[in-house]
PDB file of all heavy atoms in Angstrom:
ATOM      1  N   LEU A   1      16.917-153.190 139.268  1.00  0.00           N
ATOM      2  CA  LEU A   1      17.920-152.580 140.134  1.00  0.00           C
ATOM      3  C   LEU A   1      17.351-151.370 140.857  1.00  0.00           C
ATOM      4  O   LEU A   1      17.662-151.135 142.031  1.00  0.00           O
ATOM      5  CB  LEU A   1      19.146-152.191 139.308  1.00  0.00           C
ATOM      6  CG  LEU A   1      20.325-151.587 140.082  1.00  0.00           C
ATOM      7  CD1 LEU A   1      20.868-152.586 141.103  1.00  0.00           C
ATOM      8  CD2 LEU A   1      21.431-151.172 139.118  1.00  0.00           C
ATOM      9  N   ILE A   2      16.509-150.594 140.185  1.00  0.00           N
ATOM     10  CA  ILE A   2      15.948-149.394 140.812  1.00  0.00           C
ATOM     11  C   ILE A   2      15.143-149.748 142.061  1.00  0.00           C
ATOM     12  O   ILE A   2      15.170-149.016 143.061  1.00  0.00           O
ATOM     13  CB  ILE A   2      15.069-148.598 139.797  1.00  0.00           C
ATOM     14  CG1 ILE A   2      14.569-147.308 140.450  1.00  0.00           C
ATOM     15  CG2 ILE A   2      13.903-149.440 139.290  1.00  0.00           C
ATOM     16  CD1 ILE A   2      13.815-146.388 139.502  1.00  0.00           C
ATOM     17  N   ASP A   3      14.454-150.893 142.046  1.00  0.00           N
ATOM     18  CA  ASP A   3      13.672-151.288 143.219  1.00  0.00           C
ATOM     19  C   ASP A   3      14.574-151.713 144.370  1.00  0.00           C
ATOM     20  O   ASP A   3      14.272-151.438 145.540  1.00  0.00           O
ATOM     21  CB  ASP A   3      12.701-152.403 142.848  1.00  0.00           C
ATOM     22  CG  ASP A   3      11.642-151.937 141.860  1.00  0.00           C
ATOM     23  OD1 ASP A   3      11.144-150.806 142.025  1.00  0.00           O
ATOM     24  OD2 ASP A   3      11.334-152.685 140.921  1.00  0.00           O
ATOM     25  N   LEU A   4      15.683-152.373 144.052  1.00  0.00           N
ATOM     26  CA  LEU A   4      16.642-152.729 145.089  1.00  0.00           C
ATOM     27  C   LEU A   4      17.187-151.466 145.752  1.00  0.00           C
ATOM     28  O   LEU A   4      17.281-151.378 146.978  1.00  0.00           O
ATOM     29  CB  LEU A   4      17.794-153.558 144.506  1.00  0.00           C
ATOM     30  CG  LEU A   4      17.617-155.084 144.464  1.00  0.00           C
ATOM     31  CD1 LEU A   4      16.415-155.485 143.604  1.00  0.00           C
ATOM     32  CD2 LEU A   4      18.879-155.756 143.936  1.00  0.00           C
ATOM     33  N   GLU A   5      17.522-150.481 144.930  1.00  0.00           N
ATOM     34  CA  GLU A   5      18.092-149.234 145.454  1.00  0.00           C
ATOM     35  C   GLU A   5      17.065-148.445 146.264  1.00  0.00           C
ATOM     36  O   GLU A   5      17.385-147.913 147.333  1.00  0.00           O
ATOM     37  CB  GLU A   5      18.622-148.393 144.290  1.00  0.00           C
ATOM     38  CG  GLU A   5      19.814-149.033 143.592  1.00  0.00           C
ATOM     39  CD  GLU A   5      20.226-148.310 142.327  1.00  0.00           C
ATOM     40  OE1 GLU A   5      19.395-147.578 141.749  1.00  0.00           O
ATOM     41  OE2 GLU A   5      21.395-148.478 141.916  1.00  0.00           O
ATOM     42  N   GLN A   6      15.836-148.366 145.768  1.00  0.00           N
ATOM     43  CA  GLN A   6      14.804-147.644 146.507  1.00  0.00           C
ATOM     44  C   GLN A   6      14.430-148.353 147.801  1.00  0.00           C
ATOM     45  O   GLN A   6      14.111-147.727 148.806  1.00  0.00           O
ATOM     46  CB  GLN A   6      13.566-147.439 145.625  1.00  0.00           C
ATOM     47  CG  GLN A   6      13.799-146.527 144.429  1.00  0.00           C
ATOM     48  CD  GLN A   6      14.358-145.181 144.838  1.00  0.00           C
ATOM     49  OE1 GLN A   6      13.906-144.564 145.794  1.00  0.00           O
ATOM     50  NE2 GLN A   6      15.355-144.713 144.102  1.00  0.00           N
ATOM     51  N   GLY A   7      14.467-149.685 147.774  1.00  0.00           N
ATOM     52  CA  GLY A   7      14.217-150.432 148.999  1.00  0.00           C
ATOM     53  C   GLY A   7      15.228-150.095 150.082  1.00  0.00           C
ATOM     54  O   GLY A   7      14.869-149.929 151.257  1.00  0.00           O
ATOM     55  N   LEU A   8      16.502-149.986 149.698  1.00  0.00           N
ATOM     56  CA  LEU A   8      17.536-149.602 150.664  1.00  0.00           C
ATOM     57  C   LEU A   8      17.250-148.239 151.269  1.00  0.00           C
ATOM     58  O   LEU A   8      17.452-148.021 152.475  1.00  0.00           O
ATOM     59  CB  LEU A   8      18.914-149.596 149.988  1.00  0.00           C
ATOM     60  CG  LEU A   8      19.561-150.957 149.704  1.00  0.00           C
ATOM     61  CD1 LEU A   8      20.877-150.767 148.959  1.00  0.00           C
ATOM     62  CD2 LEU A   8      19.795-151.734 150.998  1.00  0.00           C
ATOM     63  N   ASN A   9      16.786-147.305 150.448  1.00  0.00           N
ATOM     64  CA  ASN A   9      16.448-145.968 150.957  1.00  0.00           C
ATOM     65  C   ASN A   9      15.336-146.026 152.002  1.00  0.00           C
ATOM     66  O   ASN A   9      15.236-145.152 152.873  1.00  0.00           O
ATOM     67  CB  ASN A   9      16.017-145.054 149.812  1.00  0.00           C
ATOM     68  CG  ASN A   9      17.156-144.734 148.853  1.00  0.00           C
ATOM     69  OD1 ASN A   9      18.332-144.805 149.239  1.00  0.00           O
ATOM     70  ND2 ASN A   9      16.840-144.394 147.621  1.00  0.00           N
ATOM     71  N   LEU A  10      14.506-147.056 151.908  1.00  0.00           N
ATOM     72  CA  LEU A  10      13.390-147.224 152.844  1.00  0.00           C
ATOM     73  C   LEU A  10      13.734-148.144 154.015  1.00  0.00           C
ATOM     74  O   LEU A  10      12.897-148.381 154.897  1.00  0.00           O
ATOM     75  CB  LEU A  10      12.178-147.800 152.102  1.00  0.00           C
ATOM     76  CG  LEU A  10      11.576-146.896 151.009  1.00  0.00           C
ATOM     77  CD1 LEU A  10      10.634-147.700 150.117  1.00  0.00           C
ATOM     78  CD2 LEU A  10      10.843-145.729 151.651  1.00  0.00           C
ATOM     79  N   GLY A  11      14.977-148.690 154.012  1.00  0.00           N
ATOM     80  CA  GLY A  11      15.404-149.555 155.114  1.00  0.00           C
ATOM     81  C   GLY A  11      15.178-151.032 154.886  1.00  0.00           C
ATOM     82  O   GLY A  11      15.168-151.821 155.837  1.00  0.00           O
ATOM     83  N   TYR A  12      15.012-151.427 153.597  1.00  0.00           N
ATOM     84  CA  TYR A  12      14.736-152.832 153.273  1.00  0.00           C
ATOM     85  C   TYR A  12      15.761-153.384 152.282  1.00  0.00           C
ATOM     86  O   TYR A  12      16.351-152.654 151.484  1.00  0.00           O
ATOM     87  CB  TYR A  12      13.352-152.988 152.637  1.00  0.00           C
ATOM     88  CG  TYR A  12      12.198-152.502 153.461  1.00  0.00           C
ATOM     89  CD1 TYR A  12      11.454-151.386 153.068  1.00  0.00           C
ATOM     90  CD2 TYR A  12      11.828-153.154 154.637  1.00  0.00           C
ATOM     91  CE1 TYR A  12      10.384-150.934 153.820  1.00  0.00           C
ATOM     92  CE2 TYR A  12      10.757-152.713 155.392  1.00  0.00           C
ATOM     93  CZ  TYR A  12      10.033-151.595 154.983  1.00  0.00           C
ATOM     94  OH  TYR A  12       8.979-151.159 155.723  1.00  0.00           O
ATOM     95  N   LYS A  13      15.928-154.711 152.341  1.00  0.00           N
ATOM     96  CA  LYS A  13      16.657-155.421 151.286  1.00  0.00           C
ATOM     97  C   LYS A  13      15.720-156.439 150.662  1.00  0.00           C
ATOM     98  O   LYS A  13      14.871-157.026 151.345  1.00  0.00           O
ATOM     99  CB  LYS A  13      17.897-156.133 151.836  1.00  0.00           C
ATOM    100  CG  LYS A  13      19.054-155.195 152.124  1.00  0.00           C
ATOM    101  CD  LYS A  13      20.351-155.950 152.334  1.00  0.00           C
ATOM    102  CE  LYS A  13      20.977-156.383 151.021  1.00  0.00           C
ATOM    103  NZ  LYS A  13      22.319-156.967 151.201  1.00  0.00           N
ATOM    104  N   LEU A  14      15.903-156.665 149.371  1.00  0.00           N
ATOM    105  CA  LEU A  14      15.073-157.638 148.670  1.00  0.00           C
ATOM    106  C   LEU A  14      15.721-159.019 148.729  1.00  0.00           C
ATOM    107  O   LEU A  14      16.922-159.160 148.488  1.00  0.00           O
ATOM    108  CB  LEU A  14      14.855-157.224 147.217  1.00  0.00           C
ATOM    109  CG  LEU A  14      13.878-158.122 146.444  1.00  0.00           C
ATOM    110  CD1 LEU A  14      12.934-157.282 145.592  1.00  0.00           C
ATOM    111  CD2 LEU A  14      14.620-159.115 145.564  1.00  0.00           C
ATOM    112  N   LYS A  15      14.939-160.025 149.040  1.00  0.00           N
ATOM    113  CA  LYS A  15      15.383-161.411 149.060  1.00  0.00           C
ATOM    114  C   LYS A  15      14.283-162.298 148.488  1.00  0.00           C
ATOM    115  O   LYS A  15      13.099-161.944 148.541  1.00  0.00           O
ATOM    116  CB  LYS A  15      15.699-161.869 150.489  1.00  0.00           C
ATOM    117  CG  LYS A  15      16.901-161.174 151.119  1.00  0.00           C
ATOM    118  CD  LYS A  15      18.206-161.565 150.456  1.00  0.00           C
ATOM    119  CE  LYS A  15      19.400-160.876 151.091  1.00  0.00           C
ATOM    120  NZ  LYS A  15      20.676-161.276 150.445  1.00  0.00           N
ATOM    121  N   LEU A  16      14.674-163.451 147.926  1.00  0.00           N
ATOM    122  CA  LEU A  16      13.680-164.443 147.526  1.00  0.00           C
ATOM    123  C   LEU A  16      13.329-165.235 148.787  1.00  0.00           C
ATOM    124  O   LEU A  16      14.075-166.108 149.220  1.00  0.00           O
ATOM    125  CB  LEU A  16      14.221-165.367 146.439  1.00  0.00           C
ATOM    126  CG  LEU A  16      13.188-166.372 145.899  1.00  0.00           C
ATOM    127  CD1 LEU A  16      12.068-165.649 145.158  1.00  0.00           C
ATOM    128  CD2 LEU A  16      13.843-167.393 144.975  1.00  0.00           C
ATOM    129  N   VAL A  17      12.195-164.905 149.365  1.00  0.00           N
ATOM    130  CA  VAL A  17      11.811-165.431 150.675  1.00  0.00           C
ATOM    131  C   VAL A  17      10.906-166.646 150.520  1.00  0.00           C
ATOM    132  O   VAL A  17       9.896-166.598 149.816  1.00  0.00           O
ATOM    133  CB  VAL A  17      11.096-164.346 151.500  1.00  0.00           C
ATOM    134  CG1 VAL A  17      10.602-164.927 152.832  1.00  0.00           C
ATOM    135  CG2 VAL A  17      12.022-163.160 151.754  1.00  0.00           C
ATOM    136  N   SER A  18      11.271-167.723 151.207  1.00  0.00           N
ATOM    137  CA  SER A  18      10.424-168.911 151.313  1.00  0.00           C
ATOM    138  C   SER A  18       9.827-168.921 152.712  1.00  0.00           C
ATOM    139  O   SER A  18      10.554-168.741 153.695  1.00  0.00           O
ATOM    140  CB  SER A  18      11.233-170.186 151.091  1.00  0.00           C
ATOM    141  OG  SER A  18      11.850-170.180 149.817  1.00  0.00           O
ATOM    142  N   ILE A  19       8.520-169.145 152.801  1.00  0.00           N
ATOM    143  CA  ILE A  19       7.878-169.088 154.102  1.00  0.00           C
ATOM    144  C   ILE A  19       6.670-170.017 154.172  1.00  0.00           C
ATOM    145  O   ILE A  19       5.911-170.123 153.217  1.00  0.00           O
ATOM    146  CB  ILE A  19       7.448-167.631 154.437  1.00  0.00           C
ATOM    147  CG1 ILE A  19       6.777-167.551 155.814  1.00  0.00           C
ATOM    148  CG2 ILE A  19       6.514-167.081 153.364  1.00  0.00           C
ATOM    149  CD1 ILE A  19       6.565-166.123 156.293  1.00  0.00           C
ATOM    150  N   THR A  20       6.561-170.721 155.286  1.00  0.00           N
ATOM    151  CA  THR A  20       5.317-171.403 155.657  1.00  0.00           C
ATOM    152  C   THR A  20       5.029-171.042 157.102  1.00  0.00           C
ATOM    153  O   THR A  20       5.901-171.184 157.962  1.00  0.00           O
ATOM    154  CB  THR A  20       5.415-172.928 155.528  1.00  0.00           C
ATOM    155  OG1 THR A  20       5.520-173.284 154.144  1.00  0.00           O
ATOM    156  CG2 THR A  20       4.162-173.607 156.079  1.00  0.00           C
ATOM    157  N   GLU A  21       3.814-170.567 157.364  1.00  0.00           N
ATOM    158  CA  GLU A  21       3.449-170.217 158.730  1.00  0.00           C
ATOM    159  C   GLU A  21       2.087-170.809 159.064  1.00  0.00           C
ATOM    160  O   GLU A  21       1.214-170.941 158.218  1.00  0.00           O
ATOM    161  CB  GLU A  21       3.451-168.704 158.928  1.00  0.00           C
ATOM    162  CG  GLU A  21       2.477-167.949 158.070  1.00  0.00           C
ATOM    163  CD  GLU A  21       2.612-166.449 158.196  1.00  0.00           C
ATOM    164  OE1 GLU A  21       3.693-165.980 158.620  1.00  0.00           O
ATOM    165  OE2 GLU A  21       1.652-165.734 157.850  1.00  0.00           O
ATOM    166  N   ARG A  22       1.924-171.160 160.320  1.00  0.00           N
ATOM    167  CA  ARG A  22       0.698-171.759 160.818  1.00  0.00           C
ATOM    168  C   ARG A  22      -0.278-170.663 161.231  1.00  0.00           C
ATOM    169  O   ARG A  22       0.094-169.674 161.881  1.00  0.00           O
ATOM    170  CB  ARG A  22       1.026-172.652 162.015  1.00  0.00           C
ATOM    171  CG  ARG A  22      -0.120-173.500 162.529  1.00  0.00           C
ATOM    172  CD  ARG A  22       0.201-174.051 163.915  1.00  0.00           C
ATOM    173  NE  ARG A  22       1.413-174.846 163.942  1.00  0.00           N
ATOM    174  CZ  ARG A  22       1.462-176.150 163.740  1.00  0.00           C
ATOM    175  NH1 ARG A  22       0.350-176.811 163.462  1.00  0.00           N
ATOM    176  NH2 ARG A  22       2.602-176.801 163.812  1.00  0.00           N
ATOM    177  N   ASN A  23      -1.525-170.827 160.851  1.00  0.00           N
ATOM    178  CA  ASN A  23      -2.594-169.936 161.294  1.00  0.00           C
ATOM    179  C   ASN A  23      -3.736-170.823 161.787  1.00  0.00           C
ATOM    180  O   ASN A  23      -4.579-171.261 161.007  1.00  0.00           O
ATOM    181  CB  ASN A  23      -3.054-169.030 160.152  1.00  0.00           C
ATOM    182  CG  ASN A  23      -4.060-167.987 160.601  1.00  0.00           C
ATOM    183  OD1 ASN A  23      -4.704-168.141 161.641  1.00  0.00           O
ATOM    184  ND2 ASN A  23      -4.197-166.933 159.835  1.00  0.00           N
ATOM    185  N   LYS A  24      -3.695-171.148 163.100  1.00  0.00           N
ATOM    186  CA  LYS A  24      -4.619-172.115 163.696  1.00  0.00           C
ATOM    187  C   LYS A  24      -4.443-173.462 163.003  1.00  0.00           C
ATOM    188  O   LYS A  24      -3.401-174.068 163.071  1.00  0.00           O
ATOM    189  CB  LYS A  24      -6.043-171.592 163.628  1.00  0.00           C
ATOM    190  CG  LYS A  24      -6.252-170.324 164.446  1.00  0.00           C
ATOM    191  CD  LYS A  24      -7.685-169.842 164.389  1.00  0.00           C
ATOM    192  CE  LYS A  24      -7.853-168.578 165.217  1.00  0.00           C
ATOM    193  NZ  LYS A  24      -9.225-168.027 165.148  1.00  0.00           N
ATOM    194  N   ASP A  25      -5.440-173.945 162.277  1.00  0.00           N
ATOM    195  CA  ASP A  25      -5.322-175.261 161.642  1.00  0.00           C
ATOM    196  C   ASP A  25      -5.043-175.156 160.144  1.00  0.00           C
ATOM    197  O   ASP A  25      -5.141-176.143 159.419  1.00  0.00           O
ATOM    198  CB  ASP A  25      -6.580-176.093 161.878  1.00  0.00           C
ATOM    199  CG  ASP A  25      -7.828-175.429 161.305  1.00  0.00           C
ATOM    200  OD1 ASP A  25      -7.775-174.208 161.034  1.00  0.00           O
ATOM    201  OD2 ASP A  25      -8.853-176.117 161.134  1.00  0.00           O
ATOM    202  N   LYS A  26      -4.700-173.940 159.691  1.00  0.00           N
ATOM    203  CA  LYS A  26      -4.378-173.739 158.278  1.00  0.00           C
ATOM    204  C   LYS A  26      -3.001-173.111 158.142  1.00  0.00           C
ATOM    205  O   LYS A  26      -2.379-172.708 159.129  1.00  0.00           O
ATOM    206  CB  LYS A  26      -5.449-172.878 157.610  1.00  0.00           C
ATOM    207  CG  LYS A  26      -6.819-173.544 157.537  1.00  0.00           C
ATOM    208  CD  LYS A  26      -7.816-172.695 156.759  1.00  0.00           C
ATOM    209  CE  LYS A  26      -9.170-173.389 156.664  1.00  0.00           C
ATOM    210  NZ  LYS A  26     -10.154-172.584 155.891  1.00  0.00           N
ATOM    211  N   PHE A  27      -2.527-173.014 156.879  1.00  0.00           N
ATOM    212  CA  PHE A  27      -1.169-172.548 156.650  1.00  0.00           C
ATOM    213  C   PHE A  27      -1.130-171.526 155.516  1.00  0.00           C
ATOM    214  O   PHE A  27      -1.992-171.499 154.638  1.00  0.00           O
ATOM    215  CB  PHE A  27      -0.250-173.728 156.293  1.00  0.00           C
ATOM    216  CG  PHE A  27      -0.113-174.734 157.392  1.00  0.00           C
ATOM    217  CD1 PHE A  27      -1.012-175.793 157.499  1.00  0.00           C
ATOM    218  CD2 PHE A  27       0.886-174.630 158.340  1.00  0.00           C
ATOM    219  CE1 PHE A  27      -0.913-176.723 158.515  1.00  0.00           C
ATOM    220  CE2 PHE A  27       1.007-175.551 159.361  1.00  0.00           C
ATOM    221  CZ  PHE A  27       0.108-176.601 159.450  1.00  0.00           C
ATOM    222  N   PHE A  28      -0.102-170.702 155.585  1.00  0.00           N
ATOM    223  CA  PHE A  28       0.251-169.832 154.461  1.00  0.00           C
ATOM    224  C   PHE A  28       1.624-170.259 153.981  1.00  0.00           C
ATOM    225  O   PHE A  28       2.561-170.352 154.769  1.00  0.00           O
ATOM    226  CB  PHE A  28       0.275-168.364 154.874  1.00  0.00           C
ATOM    227  CG  PHE A  28       0.852-167.447 153.823  1.00  0.00           C
ATOM    228  CD1 PHE A  28       0.073-166.996 152.770  1.00  0.00           C
ATOM    229  CD2 PHE A  28       2.189-167.064 153.861  1.00  0.00           C
ATOM    230  CE1 PHE A  28       0.595-166.161 151.783  1.00  0.00           C
ATOM    231  CE2 PHE A  28       2.722-166.230 152.884  1.00  0.00           C
ATOM    232  CZ  PHE A  28       1.922-165.781 151.843  1.00  0.00           C
ATOM    233  N   SER A  29       1.756-170.544 152.681  1.00  0.00           N
ATOM    234  CA  SER A  29       3.053-170.925 152.102  1.00  0.00           C
ATOM    235  C   SER A  29       3.305-170.088 150.861  1.00  0.00           C
ATOM    236  O   SER A  29       2.395-169.866 150.052  1.00  0.00           O
ATOM    237  CB  SER A  29       3.087-172.417 151.728  1.00  0.00           C
ATOM    238  OG  SER A  29       3.123-173.222 152.883  1.00  0.00           O
ATOM    239  N   SER A  30       4.549-169.651 150.702  1.00  0.00           N
ATOM    240  CA  SER A  30       4.872-168.795 149.562  1.00  0.00           C
ATOM    241  C   SER A  30       6.367-168.781 149.318  1.00  0.00           C
ATOM    242  O   SER A  30       7.168-168.850 150.249  1.00  0.00           O
ATOM    243  CB  SER A  30       4.387-167.364 149.850  1.00  0.00           C
ATOM    244  OG  SER A  30       4.996-166.416 148.999  1.00  0.00           O
ATOM    245  N   VAL A  31       6.738-168.696 148.043  1.00  0.00           N
ATOM    246  CA  VAL A  31       8.099-168.322 147.634  1.00  0.00           C
ATOM    247  C   VAL A  31       7.941-167.101 146.746  1.00  0.00           C
ATOM    248  O   VAL A  31       7.243-167.164 145.729  1.00  0.00           O
ATOM    249  CB  VAL A  31       8.813-169.448 146.871  1.00  0.00           C
ATOM    250  CG1 VAL A  31      10.134-168.942 146.301  1.00  0.00           C
ATOM    251  CG2 VAL A  31       9.061-170.652 147.765  1.00  0.00           C
ATOM    252  N   ALA A  32       8.545-165.985 147.124  1.00  0.00           N
ATOM    253  CA  ALA A  32       8.371-164.751 146.362  1.00  0.00           C
ATOM    254  C   ALA A  32       9.464-163.749 146.733  1.00  0.00           C
ATOM    255  O   ALA A  32       9.968-163.768 147.864  1.00  0.00           O
ATOM    256  CB  ALA A  32       6.995-164.141 146.624  1.00  0.00           C
ATOM    257  N   PRO A  33       9.820-162.845 145.804  1.00  0.00           N
ATOM    258  CA  PRO A  33      10.716-161.745 146.162  1.00  0.00           C
ATOM    259  C   PRO A  33      10.006-160.830 147.155  1.00  0.00           C
ATOM    260  O   PRO A  33       8.887-160.389 146.912  1.00  0.00           O
ATOM    261  CB  PRO A  33      10.962-161.025 144.834  1.00  0.00           C
ATOM    262  CG  PRO A  33      10.461-161.937 143.772  1.00  0.00           C
ATOM    263  CD  PRO A  33       9.400-162.780 144.397  1.00  0.00           C
ATOM    264  N   CYS A  34      10.631-160.556 148.274  1.00  0.00           N
ATOM    265  CA  CYS A  34      10.038-159.705 149.313  1.00  0.00           C
ATOM    266  C   CYS A  34      11.087-158.733 149.843  1.00  0.00           C
ATOM    267  O   CYS A  34      12.290-159.012 149.805  1.00  0.00           O
ATOM    268  CB  CYS A  34       9.532-160.540 150.489  1.00  0.00           C
ATOM    269  SG  CYS A  34       8.247-161.732 150.090  1.00  0.00           S
ATOM    270  N   PHE A  35      10.610-157.612 150.350  1.00  0.00           N
ATOM    271  CA  PHE A  35      11.469-156.721 151.110  1.00  0.00           C
ATOM    272  C   PHE A  35      11.448-157.151 152.566  1.00  0.00           C
ATOM    273  O   PHE A  35      10.385-157.414 153.142  1.00  0.00           O
ATOM    274  CB  PHE A  35      10.995-155.272 151.003  1.00  0.00           C
ATOM    275  CG  PHE A  35      11.439-154.565 149.747  1.00  0.00           C
ATOM    276  CD1 PHE A  35      10.531-153.866 148.977  1.00  0.00           C
ATOM    277  CD2 PHE A  35      12.765-154.597 149.337  1.00  0.00           C
ATOM    278  CE1 PHE A  35      10.928-153.207 147.826  1.00  0.00           C
ATOM    279  CE2 PHE A  35      13.184-153.948 148.186  1.00  0.00           C
ATOM    280  CZ  PHE A  35      12.260-153.252 147.423  1.00  0.00           C
ATOM    281  N   VAL A  36      12.644-157.229 153.182  1.00  0.00           N
ATOM    282  CA  VAL A  36      12.778-157.566 154.601  1.00  0.00           C
ATOM    283  C   VAL A  36      13.615-156.471 155.260  1.00  0.00           C
ATOM    284  O   VAL A  36      14.396-155.789 154.591  1.00  0.00           O
ATOM    285  CB  VAL A  36      13.444-158.954 154.790  1.00  0.00           C
ATOM    286  CG1 VAL A  36      12.568-160.051 154.205  1.00  0.00           C
ATOM    287  CG2 VAL A  36      14.836-158.990 154.162  1.00  0.00           C
ATOM    288  N   PRO A  37      13.471-156.277 156.563  1.00  0.00           N
ATOM    289  CA  PRO A  37      14.249-155.230 157.238  1.00  0.00           C
ATOM    290  C   PRO A  37      15.748-155.408 157.042  1.00  0.00           C
ATOM    291  O   PRO A  37      16.277-156.512 157.194  1.00  0.00           O
ATOM    292  CB  PRO A  37      13.847-155.393 158.709  1.00  0.00           C
ATOM    293  CG  PRO A  37      12.500-156.031 158.659  1.00  0.00           C
ATOM    294  CD  PRO A  37      12.542-156.956 157.478  1.00  0.00           C
ATOM    295  N   GLU A  38      16.429-154.319 156.731  1.00  0.00           N
ATOM    296  CA  GLU A  38      17.871-154.397 156.416  1.00  0.00           C
ATOM    297  C   GLU A  38      18.715-154.960 157.559  1.00  0.00           C
ATOM    298  O   GLU A  38      19.696-155.671 157.297  1.00  0.00           O
ATOM    299  CB  GLU A  38      18.373-153.007 156.010  1.00  0.00           C
ATOM    300  CG  GLU A  38      19.734-153.030 155.371  1.00  0.00           C
ATOM    301  CD  GLU A  38      20.165-151.652 154.890  1.00  0.00           C
ATOM    302  OE1 GLU A  38      19.373-150.696 154.965  1.00  0.00           O
ATOM    303  OE2 GLU A  38      21.327-151.533 154.438  1.00  0.00           O
ATOM    304  N   PRO A  39      18.385-154.711 158.834  1.00  0.00           N
ATOM    305  CA  PRO A  39      19.225-155.264 159.915  1.00  0.00           C
ATOM    306  C   PRO A  39      19.008-156.754 160.164  1.00  0.00           C
ATOM    307  O   PRO A  39      19.721-157.345 160.975  1.00  0.00           O
ATOM    308  CB  PRO A  39      18.781-154.452 161.142  1.00  0.00           C
ATOM    309  CG  PRO A  39      17.978-153.307 160.631  1.00  0.00           C
ATOM    310  CD  PRO A  39      17.362-153.788 159.360  1.00  0.00           C
ATOM    311  N   SER A  40      18.018-157.387 159.539  1.00  0.00           N
ATOM    312  CA  SER A  40      17.653-158.766 159.863  1.00  0.00           C
ATOM    313  C   SER A  40      18.685-159.769 159.363  1.00  0.00           C
ATOM    314  O   SER A  40      19.468-159.485 158.446  1.00  0.00           O
ATOM    315  CB  SER A  40      16.289-159.105 159.259  1.00  0.00           C
ATOM    316  OG  SER A  40      16.334-159.037 157.844  1.00  0.00           O
ATOM    317  N   LEU A  41      18.670-160.962 159.958  1.00  0.00           N
ATOM    318  CA  LEU A  41      19.587-162.032 159.544  1.00  0.00           C
ATOM    319  C   LEU A  41      19.368-162.405 158.087  1.00  0.00           C
ATOM    320  O   LEU A  41      20.324-162.625 157.339  1.00  0.00           O
ATOM    321  CB  LEU A  41      19.388-163.256 160.450  1.00  0.00           C
ATOM    322  CG  LEU A  41      20.161-164.519 160.042  1.00  0.00           C
ATOM    323  CD1 LEU A  41      21.661-164.270 160.081  1.00  0.00           C
ATOM    324  CD2 LEU A  41      19.787-165.688 160.960  1.00  0.00           C
ATOM    325  N   ILE A  42      18.115-162.503 157.678  1.00  0.00           N
ATOM    326  CA  ILE A  42      17.817-162.909 156.311  1.00  0.00           C
ATOM    327  C   ILE A  42      18.360-161.894 155.305  1.00  0.00           C
ATOM    328  O   ILE A  42      18.834-162.244 154.229  1.00  0.00           O
ATOM    329  CB  ILE A  42      16.292-163.139 156.132  1.00  0.00           C
ATOM    330  CG1 ILE A  42      16.011-163.956 154.875  1.00  0.00           C
ATOM    331  CG2 ILE A  42      15.510-161.857 156.132  1.00  0.00           C
ATOM    332  CD1 ILE A  42      14.568-164.433 154.793  1.00  0.00           C
ATOM    333  N   ALA A  43      18.339-160.601 155.671  1.00  0.00           N
ATOM    334  CA  ALA A  43      18.878-159.555 154.796  1.00  0.00           C
ATOM    335  C   ALA A  43      20.400-159.630 154.720  1.00  0.00           C
ATOM    336  O   ALA A  43      21.004-159.270 153.697  1.00  0.00           O
ATOM    337  CB  ALA A  43      18.446-158.178 155.293  1.00  0.00           C
ATOM    338  N   LYS A  44      21.008-160.115 155.792  1.00  0.00           N
ATOM    339  CA  LYS A  44      22.476-160.172 155.846  1.00  0.00           C
ATOM    340  C   LYS A  44      23.040-161.487 155.303  1.00  0.00           C
ATOM    341  O   LYS A  44      24.259-161.672 155.283  1.00  0.00           O
ATOM    342  CB  LYS A  44      22.935-159.977 157.291  1.00  0.00           C
ATOM    343  CG  LYS A  44      22.642-158.583 157.833  1.00  0.00           C
ATOM    344  CD  LYS A  44      23.054-158.456 159.290  1.00  0.00           C
ATOM    345  CE  LYS A  44      22.781-157.058 159.822  1.00  0.00           C
ATOM    346  NZ  LYS A  44      23.131-156.935 161.250  1.00  0.00           N
ATOM    347  N   THR A  45      22.171-162.398 154.894  1.00  0.00           N
ATOM    348  CA  THR A  45      22.613-163.665 154.315  1.00  0.00           C
ATOM    349  C   THR A  45      22.802-163.465 152.822  1.00  0.00           C
ATOM    350  O   THR A  45      21.835-163.265 152.085  1.00  0.00           O
ATOM    351  CB  THR A  45      21.583-164.772 154.579  1.00  0.00           C
ATOM    352  OG1 THR A  45      21.373-164.889 155.989  1.00  0.00           O
ATOM    353  CG2 THR A  45      22.062-166.114 154.034  1.00  0.00           C
TER     354      THR A  45
END
């Protein structure tokens, strides 16, 4: 809980983020707890 609260003080919300992104012909894929900007759609979901 302390990390959630401190993240808010820094302008972030914690979410379990799933992501795959293309980098030329390779990819980055991950599922992990991440801080995302508080105004973002993902933070508001």
